[in-house]
Amino acid sequence: MANRRRGEVALCLGDERYTLCLTLGALAELEDAFGVHDLNALAERFGTGRLSSRDLLTILGLGLRGGGHAISDKEVANLALSEGIEPVAQAIVALLVSTFGAHEPGAEGGLSPNPPPPQTA
């Protein structure tokens, strides 16, 4: 069961229920993956609401491993999306808001409380 106070988010894919969480190590890996130098730049990057499918895969894989699931990037890429991409995108937005906090649109450093749905490329 996901604990929102610890930054955890639940995601159901098919019959499986997963917990997503971004650990400090995951955040460092995200900085590396997205070519940014600090958490503010990472929050700004995610605050645009524009995420590619590769971005979603990266965040999902790190979130799953942070949530305690021993799953490789290849296994993440092969997860069945029987409900489509929307539940995954919503869980990732909730994970990012839980991790970085929510701020008013245009506020520096953080995500909008109602960010637009991620746009996959």
Protein backbone atom coordinates (compact mmCIF):
# COMPACT_ATOMS: atom_id res chain seq x y z
CA MET A 1 0.00 0.00 0.00
CA ALA A 2 1.41 3.38 -1.03
CA ASN A 3 2.15 5.87 1.75
CA ARG A 4 1.65 9.40 0.35
CA ARG A 5 3.50 10.92 3.33
CA ARG A 6 6.65 9.11 2.19
CA GLY A 7 6.16 10.23 -1.41
CA GLU A 8 4.79 6.90 -2.57
CA VAL A 9 2.21 6.56 -5.34
CA ALA A 10 0.19 3.47 -6.28
CA LEU A 11 -0.06 2.23 -9.86
CA CYS A 12 -2.11 -0.71 -11.11
CA LEU A 13 -1.11 -2.34 -14.37
CA GLY A 14 -3.34 -5.25 -15.22
CA ASP A 15 -3.65 -7.45 -12.14
CA GLU A 16 -0.44 -6.11 -10.58
CA ARG A 17 -0.33 -3.28 -8.05
CA TYR A 18 2.93 -1.35 -7.82
CA THR A 19 4.30 1.30 -5.50
CA LEU A 20 6.33 4.14 -7.02
CA CYS A 21 8.77 6.27 -5.02
CA LEU A 22 11.65 8.52 -6.02
CA THR A 23 14.59 8.03 -3.67
CA LEU A 24 17.56 10.38 -3.40
CA GLY A 25 19.53 7.97 -5.59
CA ALA A 26 16.72 8.00 -8.16
CA LEU A 27 16.74 11.79 -8.20
CA ALA A 28 20.49 11.77 -8.85
CA GLU A 29 19.92 9.32 -11.71
CA LEU A 30 17.17 11.57 -13.10
CA GLU A 31 19.51 14.58 -13.03
CA ASP A 32 21.98 12.51 -15.03
CA ALA A 33 19.38 11.14 -17.44
CA PHE A 34 17.93 14.57 -18.20
CA GLY A 35 21.28 16.38 -18.31
CA VAL A 36 20.54 18.87 -15.53
CA HIS A 37 22.78 19.96 -12.67
CA ASP A 38 20.38 20.30 -9.75
CA LEU A 39 16.92 19.55 -8.39
CA ASN A 40 15.55 22.98 -9.34
CA ALA A 41 16.43 22.37 -12.98
CA LEU A 42 14.85 18.93 -12.75
CA ALA A 43 11.65 20.39 -11.26
CA GLU A 44 11.58 23.05 -14.00
CA ARG A 45 12.05 20.35 -16.64
CA PHE A 46 9.12 18.34 -15.30
CA GLY A 47 7.01 21.43 -14.60
CA THR A 48 6.47 21.98 -18.31
CA GLY A 49 4.19 18.93 -18.42
CA ARG A 50 5.93 17.76 -21.60
CA LEU A 51 7.30 14.27 -21.22
CA SER A 52 8.30 11.87 -23.96
CA SER A 53 7.61 8.15 -23.75
CA ARG A 54 11.33 7.71 -23.04
CA ASP A 55 10.97 10.18 -20.14
CA LEU A 56 8.01 8.20 -18.80
CA LEU A 57 10.01 4.95 -19.04
CA THR A 58 12.95 6.47 -17.18
CA ILE A 59 10.82 7.93 -14.39
CA LEU A 60 8.67 4.80 -14.16
CA GLY A 61 11.67 2.48 -13.88
CA LEU A 62 13.34 4.58 -11.20
CA GLY A 63 10.04 5.02 -9.36
CA LEU A 64 9.35 1.27 -9.39
CA ARG A 65 12.82 0.43 -8.09
CA GLY A 66 12.50 3.17 -5.46
CA GLY A 67 9.19 1.61 -4.45
CA GLY A 68 10.93 -1.71 -3.78
CA HIS A 69 10.34 -3.56 -7.04
CA ALA A 70 13.32 -5.42 -8.51
CA ILE A 71 12.62 -4.66 -12.16
CA SER A 72 14.99 -3.90 -15.02
CA ASP A 73 14.55 -1.14 -17.57
CA LYS A 74 13.84 -3.81 -20.20
CA GLU A 75 11.08 -5.31 -18.00
CA VAL A 76 9.61 -1.83 -17.44
CA ALA A 77 9.57 -1.25 -21.21
CA ASN A 78 7.68 -4.53 -21.68
CA LEU A 79 4.96 -3.89 -19.07
CA ALA A 80 1.53 -4.33 -20.62
CA LEU A 81 -0.57 -1.17 -20.71
CA SER A 82 -3.98 -2.81 -20.81
CA GLU A 83 -5.57 0.43 -19.56
CA GLY A 84 -3.55 2.60 -21.94
CA ILE A 85 -0.90 5.18 -21.09
CA GLU A 86 -3.18 7.49 -19.07
CA PRO A 87 -2.94 5.66 -15.69
CA VAL A 88 0.86 5.55 -16.02
CA ALA A 89 1.06 9.24 -16.93
CA GLN A 90 -1.26 10.17 -14.04
CA ALA A 91 0.79 8.11 -11.57
CA ILE A 92 4.01 9.73 -12.78
CA VAL A 93 2.54 13.23 -12.48
CA ALA A 94 1.37 12.36 -8.94
CA LEU A 95 4.85 10.99 -8.16
CA LEU A 96 6.54 14.16 -9.42
CA VAL A 97 4.13 16.42 -7.53
CA SER A 98 4.62 14.29 -4.40
CA THR A 99 8.40 14.52 -4.75
CA PHE A 100 8.82 18.16 -5.80
CA GLY A 101 5.72 19.70 -4.25
CA ALA A 102 3.02 21.70 -5.93
CA HIS A 103 3.19 25.42 -6.54
CA GLU A 104 1.05 27.94 -8.32
CA PRO A 105 1.56 28.09 -12.07
CA GLY A 106 4.44 30.40 -12.83
CA ALA A 107 5.91 29.99 -9.34
CA GLU A 108 9.61 29.29 -9.39
CA GLY A 109 10.76 25.75 -8.61
CA GLY A 110 8.03 23.18 -8.51
CA LEU A 111 5.13 21.75 -10.40
CA SER A 112 1.71 23.15 -10.97
CA PRO A 113 -0.98 21.63 -8.71
CA ASN A 114 -2.89 20.81 -11.90
CA PRO A 115 -0.19 20.21 -14.47
CA PRO A 116 -1.28 19.42 -18.00
CA PRO A 117 -1.22 15.73 -18.79
CA PRO A 118 2.19 14.64 -20.05
CA GLN A 119 2.45 14.71 -23.80
CA THR A 120 4.13 11.65 -25.21
CA ALA A 121 6.27 12.02 -28.29
